Amino acid sequence: MLALAKKRGIKPEAVAMDAWYSSLDNLKSIRSHGWVWVTTLRKNRIVNRNIQLNKLDISEEGTPIHLRGYGWVTVFKFTAKNGRIDYLT
């Protein structure tokens, strides 16, 4: 789908998706097209050499993390009124 969008001349400012689509293959594919992406990451995603994302202290300004097989990205932590926590990058 991404290759077809590029072929048709679509130039998104960002590709937004939920955690279901945030596999390394998808993230790398988006990067290969020269596009940026925004997604949520699951709280148990392994980052920074075998640490679960939810075990990190994420600052309000965002925290750089290393996604194994991809590289450095900045992650933000949002806590909803009902207590749900989302990690966006």
N, C-alpha and C. Protein backbone atom coordinates (compact mmCIF):
# COMPACT_ATOMS: atom_id res chain seq x y z
N MET A 1 0.83 -1.18 0.00
CA MET A 1 0.00 0.00 0.00
C MET A 1 0.88 1.26 0.00
N LEU A 2 1.98 1.22 0.78
CA LEU A 2 2.86 2.38 0.82
C LEU A 2 3.52 2.64 -0.53
N ALA A 3 3.97 1.56 -1.18
CA ALA A 3 4.61 1.70 -2.49
C ALA A 3 3.63 2.26 -3.51
N LEU A 4 2.38 1.81 -3.45
CA LEU A 4 1.36 2.32 -4.38
C LEU A 4 1.10 3.80 -4.13
N ALA A 5 1.03 4.19 -2.88
CA ALA A 5 0.82 5.60 -2.55
C ALA A 5 1.95 6.46 -3.11
N LYS A 6 3.18 5.99 -2.94
CA LYS A 6 4.34 6.74 -3.46
C LYS A 6 4.27 6.81 -4.98
N LYS A 7 3.93 5.69 -5.62
CA LYS A 7 3.83 5.64 -7.08
C LYS A 7 2.79 6.62 -7.60
N ARG A 8 1.72 6.81 -6.84
CA ARG A 8 0.65 7.73 -7.24
C ARG A 8 0.97 9.18 -6.89
N GLY A 9 2.14 9.40 -6.32
CA GLY A 9 2.58 10.77 -6.05
C GLY A 9 2.12 11.34 -4.73
N ILE A 10 1.61 10.50 -3.86
CA ILE A 10 1.17 10.99 -2.55
C ILE A 10 2.40 11.35 -1.73
N LYS A 11 2.37 12.52 -1.12
CA LYS A 11 3.49 13.01 -0.31
C LYS A 11 2.96 13.42 1.07
N PRO A 12 2.78 12.44 1.96
CA PRO A 12 2.21 12.78 3.26
C PRO A 12 3.18 13.55 4.14
N GLU A 13 2.65 14.40 5.01
CA GLU A 13 3.49 15.05 6.00
C GLU A 13 3.96 14.04 7.02
N ALA A 14 3.11 13.05 7.31
CA ALA A 14 3.46 11.96 8.22
C ALA A 14 2.50 10.81 7.98
N VAL A 15 2.97 9.61 8.25
CA VAL A 15 2.12 8.43 8.20
C VAL A 15 1.76 8.10 9.65
N ALA A 16 0.48 8.17 9.98
CA ALA A 16 0.02 7.89 11.34
C ALA A 16 -0.62 6.50 11.38
N MET A 17 -0.30 5.77 12.44
CA MET A 17 -0.82 4.40 12.58
C MET A 17 -0.84 4.00 14.04
N ASP A 18 -1.59 2.96 14.34
CA ASP A 18 -1.60 2.49 15.72
C ASP A 18 -0.52 1.41 15.90
N ALA A 19 -0.39 0.93 17.11
CA ALA A 19 0.68 0.00 17.46
C ALA A 19 0.64 -1.29 16.64
N TRP A 20 -0.54 -1.66 16.18
CA TRP A 20 -0.69 -2.89 15.40
C TRP A 20 0.21 -2.88 14.16
N TYR A 21 0.44 -1.70 13.59
CA TYR A 21 1.22 -1.57 12.35
C TYR A 21 2.65 -1.11 12.58
N SER A 22 3.10 -1.06 13.83
CA SER A 22 4.42 -0.48 14.13
C SER A 22 5.56 -1.50 14.11
N SER A 23 5.46 -2.49 13.25
CA SER A 23 6.55 -3.46 13.12
C SER A 23 7.78 -2.79 12.51
N LEU A 24 8.93 -3.37 12.75
CA LEU A 24 10.16 -2.80 12.18
C LEU A 24 10.10 -2.73 10.66
N ASP A 25 9.54 -3.76 10.03
CA ASP A 25 9.43 -3.75 8.57
C ASP A 25 8.62 -2.56 8.08
N ASN A 26 7.50 -2.28 8.74
CA ASN A 26 6.67 -1.14 8.32
C ASN A 26 7.38 0.18 8.57
N LEU A 27 8.01 0.33 9.73
CA LEU A 27 8.72 1.58 10.03
C LEU A 27 9.86 1.82 9.04
N LYS A 28 10.59 0.77 8.72
CA LYS A 28 11.69 0.90 7.76
C LYS A 28 11.17 1.21 6.35
N SER A 29 10.05 0.62 6.00
CA SER A 29 9.46 0.89 4.69
C SER A 29 9.06 2.35 4.56
N ILE A 30 8.42 2.88 5.59
CA ILE A 30 8.03 4.29 5.57
C ILE A 30 9.26 5.18 5.46
N ARG A 31 10.29 4.87 6.24
CA ARG A 31 11.53 5.65 6.18
C ARG A 31 12.17 5.57 4.79
N SER A 32 12.11 4.40 4.15
CA SER A 32 12.73 4.23 2.82
C SER A 32 12.07 5.11 1.77
N HIS A 33 10.81 5.49 2.00
CA HIS A 33 10.11 6.39 1.08
C HIS A 33 10.41 7.86 1.38
N GLY A 34 11.18 8.10 2.44
CA GLY A 34 11.51 9.47 2.81
C GLY A 34 10.42 10.14 3.63
N TRP A 35 9.51 9.34 4.18
CA TRP A 35 8.41 9.87 4.96
C TRP A 35 8.70 9.71 6.45
N VAL A 36 8.03 10.50 7.26
CA VAL A 36 8.11 10.35 8.70
C VAL A 36 6.85 9.63 9.17
N TRP A 37 6.91 9.08 10.35
CA TRP A 37 5.77 8.34 10.87
C TRP A 37 5.49 8.73 12.32
N VAL A 38 4.23 8.50 12.73
CA VAL A 38 3.79 8.70 14.10
C VAL A 38 2.99 7.46 14.47
N THR A 39 3.32 6.87 15.60
CA THR A 39 2.63 5.67 16.02
C THR A 39 2.64 5.54 17.53
N THR A 40 1.82 4.65 18.03
CA THR A 40 1.90 4.27 19.43
C THR A 40 2.74 3.01 19.51
N LEU A 41 3.40 2.84 20.63
CA LEU A 41 4.16 1.63 20.88
C LEU A 41 3.55 0.91 22.07
N ARG A 42 3.57 -0.38 22.02
CA ARG A 42 3.06 -1.16 23.15
C ARG A 42 3.98 -1.00 24.35
N LYS A 43 3.37 -1.03 25.53
CA LYS A 43 4.14 -0.80 26.76
C LYS A 43 5.22 -1.84 27.00
N ASN A 44 5.07 -3.02 26.42
CA ASN A 44 6.08 -4.06 26.62
C ASN A 44 7.11 -4.14 25.50
N ARG A 45 7.12 -3.14 24.60
CA ARG A 45 8.10 -3.11 23.52
C ARG A 45 9.50 -3.02 24.12
N ILE A 46 10.41 -3.82 23.63
CA ILE A 46 11.77 -3.84 24.13
C ILE A 46 12.57 -2.74 23.43
N VAL A 47 13.17 -1.86 24.24
CA VAL A 47 13.97 -0.74 23.73
C VAL A 47 15.26 -0.66 24.54
N ASN A 48 16.18 0.17 24.10
CA ASN A 48 17.41 0.46 24.86
C ASN A 48 18.06 -0.79 25.44
N ARG A 49 18.35 -1.74 24.60
CA ARG A 49 19.05 -2.96 25.04
C ARG A 49 18.29 -3.74 26.11
N ASN A 50 17.14 -4.24 25.74
CA ASN A 50 16.37 -5.18 26.58
C ASN A 50 15.66 -4.58 27.77
N ILE A 51 15.12 -3.37 27.64
CA ILE A 51 14.30 -2.76 28.69
C ILE A 51 12.90 -2.57 28.13
N GLN A 52 11.89 -2.94 28.91
CA GLN A 52 10.52 -2.70 28.47
C GLN A 52 10.23 -1.21 28.52
N LEU A 53 9.52 -0.73 27.53
CA LEU A 53 9.21 0.70 27.41
C LEU A 53 8.57 1.25 28.68
N ASN A 54 7.65 0.51 29.29
CA ASN A 54 6.96 1.01 30.47
C ASN A 54 7.83 1.06 31.72
N LYS A 55 9.04 0.54 31.65
CA LYS A 55 9.97 0.59 32.78
C LYS A 55 10.87 1.83 32.74
N LEU A 56 10.81 2.59 31.64
CA LEU A 56 11.63 3.79 31.48
C LEU A 56 10.95 5.01 32.09
N ASP A 57 11.76 5.96 32.52
CA ASP A 57 11.26 7.25 32.99
C ASP A 57 11.20 8.18 31.78
N ILE A 58 10.00 8.45 31.30
CA ILE A 58 9.81 9.27 30.10
C ILE A 58 9.51 10.70 30.54
N SER A 59 10.34 11.65 30.08
CA SER A 59 10.14 13.05 30.47
C SER A 59 8.98 13.67 29.69
N GLU A 60 8.48 14.79 30.19
CA GLU A 60 7.38 15.48 29.52
C GLU A 60 7.78 15.99 28.14
N GLU A 61 9.05 16.28 27.97
CA GLU A 61 9.55 16.80 26.69
C GLU A 61 9.85 15.68 25.70
N GLY A 62 9.68 14.42 26.12
CA GLY A 62 10.02 13.28 25.29
C GLY A 62 11.38 12.75 25.65
N THR A 63 11.58 11.48 25.40
CA THR A 63 12.83 10.82 25.73
C THR A 63 13.32 10.04 24.52
N PRO A 64 14.58 10.24 24.13
CA PRO A 64 15.14 9.42 23.04
C PRO A 64 15.27 7.97 23.48
N ILE A 65 14.83 7.07 22.63
CA ILE A 65 14.98 5.64 22.89
C ILE A 65 15.54 4.98 21.64
N HIS A 66 16.14 3.83 21.82
CA HIS A 66 16.67 3.09 20.69
C HIS A 66 15.77 1.89 20.41
N LEU A 67 15.19 1.87 19.20
CA LEU A 67 14.41 0.72 18.77
C LEU A 67 15.37 -0.25 18.08
N ARG A 68 15.51 -1.43 18.66
CA ARG A 68 16.41 -2.43 18.11
C ARG A 68 16.05 -2.70 16.65
N GLY A 69 17.03 -2.65 15.78
CA GLY A 69 16.82 -2.90 14.37
C GLY A 69 16.37 -1.68 13.58
N TYR A 70 16.12 -0.56 14.26
CA TYR A 70 15.67 0.64 13.56
C TYR A 70 16.58 1.83 13.83
N GLY A 71 16.76 2.19 15.08
CA GLY A 71 17.57 3.35 15.44
C GLY A 71 16.90 4.18 16.52
N TRP A 72 17.34 5.42 16.64
CA TRP A 72 16.87 6.32 17.69
C TRP A 72 15.62 7.05 17.27
N VAL A 73 14.66 7.11 18.18
CA VAL A 73 13.42 7.87 18.02
C VAL A 73 13.11 8.53 19.36
N THR A 74 12.21 9.49 19.35
CA THR A 74 11.79 10.13 20.59
C THR A 74 10.40 9.62 20.95
N VAL A 75 10.23 9.24 22.21
CA VAL A 75 8.94 8.72 22.67
C VAL A 75 8.35 9.68 23.69
N PHE A 76 7.02 9.81 23.66
CA PHE A 76 6.28 10.65 24.59
C PHE A 76 5.29 9.78 25.34
N LYS A 77 5.06 10.08 26.59
CA LYS A 77 4.13 9.32 27.42
C LYS A 77 2.91 10.20 27.72
N PHE A 78 1.73 9.69 27.40
CA PHE A 78 0.49 10.40 27.67
C PHE A 78 -0.36 9.56 28.62
N THR A 79 -0.81 10.18 29.69
CA THR A 79 -1.67 9.50 30.65
C THR A 79 -3.06 10.11 30.58
N ALA A 80 -4.05 9.29 30.26
CA ALA A 80 -5.44 9.75 30.16
C ALA A 80 -6.05 9.90 31.55
N LYS A 81 -7.16 10.60 31.63
CA LYS A 81 -7.84 10.80 32.91
C LYS A 81 -8.25 9.48 33.56
N ASN A 82 -8.53 8.48 32.73
CA ASN A 82 -8.93 7.18 33.28
C ASN A 82 -7.73 6.31 33.69
N GLY A 83 -6.51 6.86 33.54
CA GLY A 83 -5.30 6.14 33.93
C GLY A 83 -4.61 5.39 32.82
N ARG A 84 -5.22 5.30 31.65
CA ARG A 84 -4.59 4.61 30.52
C ARG A 84 -3.33 5.37 30.09
N ILE A 85 -2.28 4.63 29.82
CA ILE A 85 -1.01 5.23 29.40
C ILE A 85 -0.72 4.82 27.97
N ASP A 86 -0.42 5.81 27.13
CA ASP A 86 -0.02 5.56 25.74
C ASP A 86 1.38 6.11 25.54
N TYR A 87 2.14 5.39 24.74
CA TYR A 87 3.49 5.80 24.37
C TYR A 87 3.50 6.12 22.88
N LEU A 88 3.75 7.39 22.54
CA LEU A 88 3.74 7.83 21.15
C LEU A 88 5.14 8.20 20.71
N THR A 89 5.41 7.89 19.48
CA THR A 89 6.68 8.26 18.89
C THR A 89 6.46 8.71 17.47
